[in-house]
Amino acid sequence: MLQKYITVFFISMIPLIELRGAIPYSALMGLPLVQSYIIAIIGNLLPVPIIYLFARKVLEWGVDKPVLGGFFTWCLEKGKRGGEKLQAKAGRGLFIALLIFVGIPLPGTGAWTGTLAASLLDIDFKSSILAVMGGVLMAGIIMGLASAGVLGALQSIVF
């Protein structure tokens, strides 16, 4: 059982998969939702300060490197595009936009991309962390409900 929780923790730390994959995995493994939610949230949020403080510097450093330069450039461009789209839509409501961007569980909209975008947009550290944290909590609730079948049941009632 402990090994499954550790797997949930590490899955939630993987870029692009994050808790969007960890919570359904935990449901497939038959783990209790509340414990899985908490572990996935912790795992998903653990890298956020590190991403904010160092990812931009590492990516900028690596852009001109022979082997990984293309990947680093792609990551920077993806973060910049995501940040620019976010800023264009949000205007002055950037905190709420970042929270929603991270909170809607779609591919490429998680804590990693949101934190990188916040760093590239020079949003202050505290606001970035709080918005990403709120978004991760929201995405976790959505994925928990989806994994528990609540959204499917509601969909069958409404449609």
C-alpha atoms as a PDB file:
ATOM      1  CA  MET A   1       0.000   0.000   0.000  1.00  0.00           C
ATOM      2  CA  LEU A   2       2.813   2.417   0.919  1.00  0.00           C
ATOM      3  CA  GLN A   3       4.491   1.761  -2.423  1.00  0.00           C
ATOM      4  CA  LYS A   4       1.305   2.816  -4.250  1.00  0.00           C
ATOM      5  CA  TYR A   5       1.193   6.091  -2.297  1.00  0.00           C
ATOM      6  CA  ILE A   6       4.854   6.724  -3.099  1.00  0.00           C
ATOM      7  CA  THR A   7       4.047   6.121  -6.776  1.00  0.00           C
ATOM      8  CA  VAL A   8       1.168   8.636  -6.558  1.00  0.00           C
ATOM      9  CA  PHE A   9       3.580  11.140  -5.002  1.00  0.00           C
ATOM     10  CA  PHE A  10       6.167  10.753  -7.763  1.00  0.00           C
ATOM     11  CA  ILE A  11       3.636  10.673 -10.623  1.00  0.00           C
ATOM     12  CA  SER A  12       2.277  14.007  -9.379  1.00  0.00           C
ATOM     13  CA  MET A  13       5.780  15.504  -9.688  1.00  0.00           C
ATOM     14  CA  ILE A  14       6.205  14.583 -13.383  1.00  0.00           C
ATOM     15  CA  PRO A  15       5.794  17.536 -15.771  1.00  0.00           C
ATOM     16  CA  LEU A  16       2.676  17.402 -17.986  1.00  0.00           C
ATOM     17  CA  ILE A  17       1.266  14.426 -16.025  1.00  0.00           C
ATOM     18  CA  GLU A  18       1.218  15.899 -12.511  1.00  0.00           C
ATOM     19  CA  LEU A  19      -1.778  15.185 -10.297  1.00  0.00           C
ATOM     20  CA  ARG A  20      -3.968  14.932 -13.410  1.00  0.00           C
ATOM     21  CA  GLY A  21      -2.432  11.488 -13.823  1.00  0.00           C
ATOM     22  CA  ALA A  22      -1.672  10.709 -10.192  1.00  0.00           C
ATOM     23  CA  ILE A  23      -5.244  10.915  -8.935  1.00  0.00           C
ATOM     24  CA  PRO A  24      -6.755   8.647 -11.625  1.00  0.00           C
ATOM     25  CA  TYR A  25      -3.842   6.253 -11.031  1.00  0.00           C
ATOM     26  CA  SER A  26      -4.676   6.161  -7.323  1.00  0.00           C
ATOM     27  CA  ALA A  27      -8.321   5.436  -8.133  1.00  0.00           C
ATOM     28  CA  LEU A  28      -7.276   2.574 -10.426  1.00  0.00           C
ATOM     29  CA  MET A  29      -5.113   1.185  -7.621  1.00  0.00           C
ATOM     30  CA  GLY A  30      -8.070   1.327  -5.210  1.00  0.00           C
ATOM     31  CA  LEU A  31      -6.489   3.881  -2.875  1.00  0.00           C
ATOM     32  CA  PRO A  32      -8.724   6.125  -0.754  1.00  0.00           C
ATOM     33  CA  LEU A  33      -9.424   9.438  -2.497  1.00  0.00           C
ATOM     34  CA  VAL A  34      -8.713  11.838   0.391  1.00  0.00           C
ATOM     35  CA  GLN A  35      -5.287  10.408   1.193  1.00  0.00           C
ATOM     36  CA  SER A  36      -4.393  10.217  -2.505  1.00  0.00           C
ATOM     37  CA  TYR A  37      -5.535  13.815  -3.017  1.00  0.00           C
ATOM     38  CA  ILE A  38      -3.315  15.077  -0.189  1.00  0.00           C
ATOM     39  CA  ILE A  39      -0.279  13.108  -1.371  1.00  0.00           C
ATOM     40  CA  ALA A  40      -0.767  14.203  -4.999  1.00  0.00           C
ATOM     41  CA  ILE A  41      -1.137  17.855  -3.951  1.00  0.00           C
ATOM     42  CA  ILE A  42       2.082  17.730  -1.917  1.00  0.00           C
ATOM     43  CA  GLY A  43       3.956  16.002  -4.740  1.00  0.00           C
ATOM     44  CA  ASN A  44       2.641  18.426  -7.341  1.00  0.00           C
ATOM     45  CA  LEU A  45       3.461  21.529  -5.268  1.00  0.00           C
ATOM     46  CA  LEU A  46       6.905  20.447  -4.056  1.00  0.00           C
ATOM     47  CA  PRO A  47       8.752  21.453  -7.262  1.00  0.00           C
ATOM     48  CA  VAL A  48       6.875  24.777  -7.684  1.00  0.00           C
ATOM     49  CA  PRO A  49       9.266  27.075  -5.753  1.00  0.00           C
ATOM     50  CA  ILE A  50      12.255  25.429  -7.416  1.00  0.00           C
ATOM     51  CA  ILE A  51      10.688  25.880 -10.861  1.00  0.00           C
ATOM     52  CA  TYR A  52       9.937  29.531 -10.154  1.00  0.00           C
ATOM     53  CA  LEU A  53      13.395  30.330  -8.832  1.00  0.00           C
ATOM     54  CA  PHE A  54      15.600  28.274 -11.152  1.00  0.00           C
ATOM     55  CA  ALA A  55      13.849  26.933 -14.277  1.00  0.00           C
ATOM     56  CA  ARG A  56      14.043  30.154 -16.259  1.00  0.00           C
ATOM     57  CA  LYS A  57      17.759  30.533 -15.481  1.00  0.00           C
ATOM     58  CA  VAL A  58      18.527  26.921 -16.385  1.00  0.00           C
ATOM     59  CA  LEU A  59      16.517  27.082 -19.617  1.00  0.00           C
ATOM     60  CA  GLU A  60      18.124  30.357 -20.686  1.00  0.00           C
ATOM     61  CA  TRP A  61      21.545  28.909 -19.895  1.00  0.00           C
ATOM     62  CA  GLY A  62      20.851  25.777 -21.948  1.00  0.00           C
ATOM     63  CA  VAL A  63      19.392  27.340 -25.082  1.00  0.00           C
ATOM     64  CA  ASP A  64      22.729  27.430 -26.910  1.00  0.00           C
ATOM     65  CA  LYS A  65      23.938  24.006 -25.768  1.00  0.00           C
ATOM     66  CA  PRO A  66      24.454  21.465 -28.569  1.00  0.00           C
ATOM     67  CA  VAL A  67      22.437  18.456 -27.386  1.00  0.00           C
ATOM     68  CA  LEU A  68      19.626  19.888 -25.231  1.00  0.00           C
ATOM     69  CA  GLY A  69      19.409  23.381 -26.723  1.00  0.00           C
ATOM     70  CA  GLY A  70      16.375  22.553 -28.834  1.00  0.00           C
ATOM     71  CA  PHE A  71      14.477  21.128 -25.874  1.00  0.00           C
ATOM     72  CA  PHE A  72      15.387  24.083 -23.657  1.00  0.00           C
ATOM     73  CA  THR A  73      14.284  26.484 -26.391  1.00  0.00           C
ATOM     74  CA  TRP A  74      10.980  24.597 -26.754  1.00  0.00           C
ATOM     75  CA  CYS A  75      10.366  24.797 -22.993  1.00  0.00           C
ATOM     76  CA  LEU A  76      11.099  28.524 -22.911  1.00  0.00           C
ATOM     77  CA  GLU A  77       8.872  29.191 -25.919  1.00  0.00           C
ATOM     78  CA  LYS A  78       6.038  27.083 -24.473  1.00  0.00           C
ATOM     79  CA  GLY A  79       6.238  28.928 -21.165  1.00  0.00           C
ATOM     80  CA  LYS A  80       6.446  32.294 -22.878  1.00  0.00           C
ATOM     81  CA  ARG A  81       3.499  31.548 -25.195  1.00  0.00           C
ATOM     82  CA  GLY A  82       1.436  30.300 -22.255  1.00  0.00           C
ATOM     83  CA  GLY A  83       2.339  33.404 -20.267  1.00  0.00           C
ATOM     84  CA  GLU A  84       1.536  35.770 -23.122  1.00  0.00           C
ATOM     85  CA  LYS A  85      -1.846  34.108 -23.759  1.00  0.00           C
ATOM     86  CA  LEU A  86      -2.588  34.264 -20.061  1.00  0.00           C
ATOM     87  CA  GLN A  87      -1.607  37.915 -19.831  1.00  0.00           C
ATOM     88  CA  ALA A  88      -3.576  38.862 -22.956  1.00  0.00           C
ATOM     89  CA  LYS A  89      -6.748  37.254 -21.612  1.00  0.00           C
ATOM     90  CA  ALA A  90      -6.298  38.364 -18.025  1.00  0.00           C
ATOM     91  CA  GLY A  91      -5.160  41.949 -18.207  1.00  0.00           C
ATOM     92  CA  ARG A  92      -5.124  43.084 -14.594  1.00  0.00           C
ATOM     93  CA  GLY A  93      -6.641  39.862 -13.262  1.00  0.00           C
ATOM     94  CA  LEU A  94      -3.447  37.897 -13.765  1.00  0.00           C
ATOM     95  CA  PHE A  95      -3.595  36.157 -10.364  1.00  0.00           C
ATOM     96  CA  ILE A  96      -7.070  34.720 -11.057  1.00  0.00           C
ATOM     97  CA  ALA A  97      -6.104  33.843 -14.626  1.00  0.00           C
ATOM     98  CA  LEU A  98      -3.028  31.952 -13.415  1.00  0.00           C
ATOM     99  CA  LEU A  99      -5.127  30.144 -10.799  1.00  0.00           C
ATOM    100  CA  ILE A 100      -7.678  29.089 -13.432  1.00  0.00           C
ATOM    101  CA  PHE A 101      -4.950  28.214 -15.964  1.00  0.00           C
ATOM    102  CA  VAL A 102      -3.381  25.789 -13.492  1.00  0.00           C
ATOM    103  CA  GLY A 103      -6.732  24.635 -12.082  1.00  0.00           C
ATOM    104  CA  ILE A 104      -8.378  23.475 -15.288  1.00  0.00           C
ATOM    105  CA  PRO A 105      -6.984  19.988 -15.829  1.00  0.00           C
ATOM    106  CA  LEU A 106      -6.066  20.122 -19.509  1.00  0.00           C
ATOM    107  CA  PRO A 107      -2.780  18.990 -21.047  1.00  0.00           C
ATOM    108  CA  GLY A 108      -0.074  21.619 -20.623  1.00  0.00           C
ATOM    109  CA  THR A 109      -1.898  23.749 -18.051  1.00  0.00           C
ATOM    110  CA  GLY A 110      -0.526  22.425 -14.791  1.00  0.00           C
ATOM    111  CA  ALA A 111       1.735  23.676 -12.040  1.00  0.00           C
ATOM    112  CA  TRP A 112       4.936  23.282 -14.055  1.00  0.00           C
ATOM    113  CA  THR A 113       3.748  25.334 -17.038  1.00  0.00           C
ATOM    114  CA  GLY A 114       1.900  27.856 -14.864  1.00  0.00           C
ATOM    115  CA  THR A 115       4.916  28.411 -12.626  1.00  0.00           C
ATOM    116  CA  LEU A 116       7.271  28.759 -15.582  1.00  0.00           C
ATOM    117  CA  ALA A 117       4.857  31.224 -17.212  1.00  0.00           C
ATOM    118  CA  ALA A 118       4.641  33.211 -13.964  1.00  0.00           C
ATOM    119  CA  SER A 119       8.429  33.311 -13.787  1.00  0.00           C
ATOM    120  CA  LEU A 120       8.733  34.452 -17.405  1.00  0.00           C
ATOM    121  CA  LEU A 121       6.086  37.135 -16.813  1.00  0.00           C
ATOM    122  CA  ASP A 122       7.933  38.306 -13.685  1.00  0.00           C
ATOM    123  CA  ILE A 123       4.882  37.827 -11.468  1.00  0.00           C
ATOM    124  CA  ASP A 124       6.084  38.152  -7.887  1.00  0.00           C
ATOM    125  CA  PHE A 125       6.997  34.956  -6.059  1.00  0.00           C
ATOM    126  CA  LYS A 126       4.286  35.060  -3.391  1.00  0.00           C
ATOM    127  CA  SER A 127       1.432  35.730  -5.842  1.00  0.00           C
ATOM    128  CA  SER A 128       2.712  33.051  -8.215  1.00  0.00           C
ATOM    129  CA  ILE A 129       2.959  30.412  -5.500  1.00  0.00           C
ATOM    130  CA  LEU A 130      -0.492  31.228  -4.105  1.00  0.00           C
ATOM    131  CA  ALA A 131      -2.146  31.201  -7.535  1.00  0.00           C
ATOM    132  CA  VAL A 132      -0.476  27.929  -8.512  1.00  0.00           C
ATOM    133  CA  MET A 133      -1.347  26.391  -5.147  1.00  0.00           C
ATOM    134  CA  GLY A 134      -5.002  27.369  -5.554  1.00  0.00           C
ATOM    135  CA  GLY A 135      -4.996  26.019  -9.100  1.00  0.00           C
ATOM    136  CA  VAL A 136      -3.483  22.704  -8.026  1.00  0.00           C
ATOM    137  CA  LEU A 137      -6.091  22.360  -5.267  1.00  0.00           C
ATOM    138  CA  MET A 138      -8.846  23.086  -7.810  1.00  0.00           C
ATOM    139  CA  ALA A 139      -7.439  20.642 -10.393  1.00  0.00           C
ATOM    140  CA  GLY A 140      -7.149  18.007  -7.666  1.00  0.00           C
ATOM    141  CA  ILE A 141     -10.801  18.422  -6.742  1.00  0.00           C
ATOM    142  CA  ILE A 142     -11.865  18.184 -10.391  1.00  0.00           C
ATOM    143  CA  MET A 143      -9.745  15.092 -10.985  1.00  0.00           C
ATOM    144  CA  GLY A 144     -10.907  13.549  -7.711  1.00  0.00           C
ATOM    145  CA  LEU A 145     -14.536  14.039  -8.692  1.00  0.00           C
ATOM    146  CA  ALA A 146     -13.885  12.702 -12.168  1.00  0.00           C
ATOM    147  CA  SER A 147     -12.030   9.687 -10.787  1.00  0.00           C
ATOM    148  CA  ALA A 148     -14.813   9.002  -8.306  1.00  0.00           C
ATOM    149  CA  GLY A 149     -17.327   9.018 -11.144  1.00  0.00           C
ATOM    150  CA  VAL A 150     -19.255  12.068  -9.917  1.00  0.00           C
ATOM    151  CA  LEU A 151     -18.770  14.005 -13.130  1.00  0.00           C
ATOM    152  CA  GLY A 152     -19.800  11.046 -15.238  1.00  0.00           C
ATOM    153  CA  ALA A 153     -22.933  10.566 -13.169  1.00  0.00           C
ATOM    154  CA  LEU A 154     -23.812  14.267 -13.418  1.00  0.00           C
ATOM    155  CA  GLN A 155     -23.238  14.185 -17.164  1.00  0.00           C
ATOM    156  CA  SER A 156     -25.626  11.253 -17.588  1.00  0.00           C
ATOM    157  CA  ILE A 157     -28.291  13.109 -15.581  1.00  0.00           C
ATOM    158  CA  VAL A 158     -27.931  16.422 -17.437  1.00  0.00           C
ATOM    159  CA  PHE A 159     -27.464  15.165 -20.984  1.00  0.00           C
END
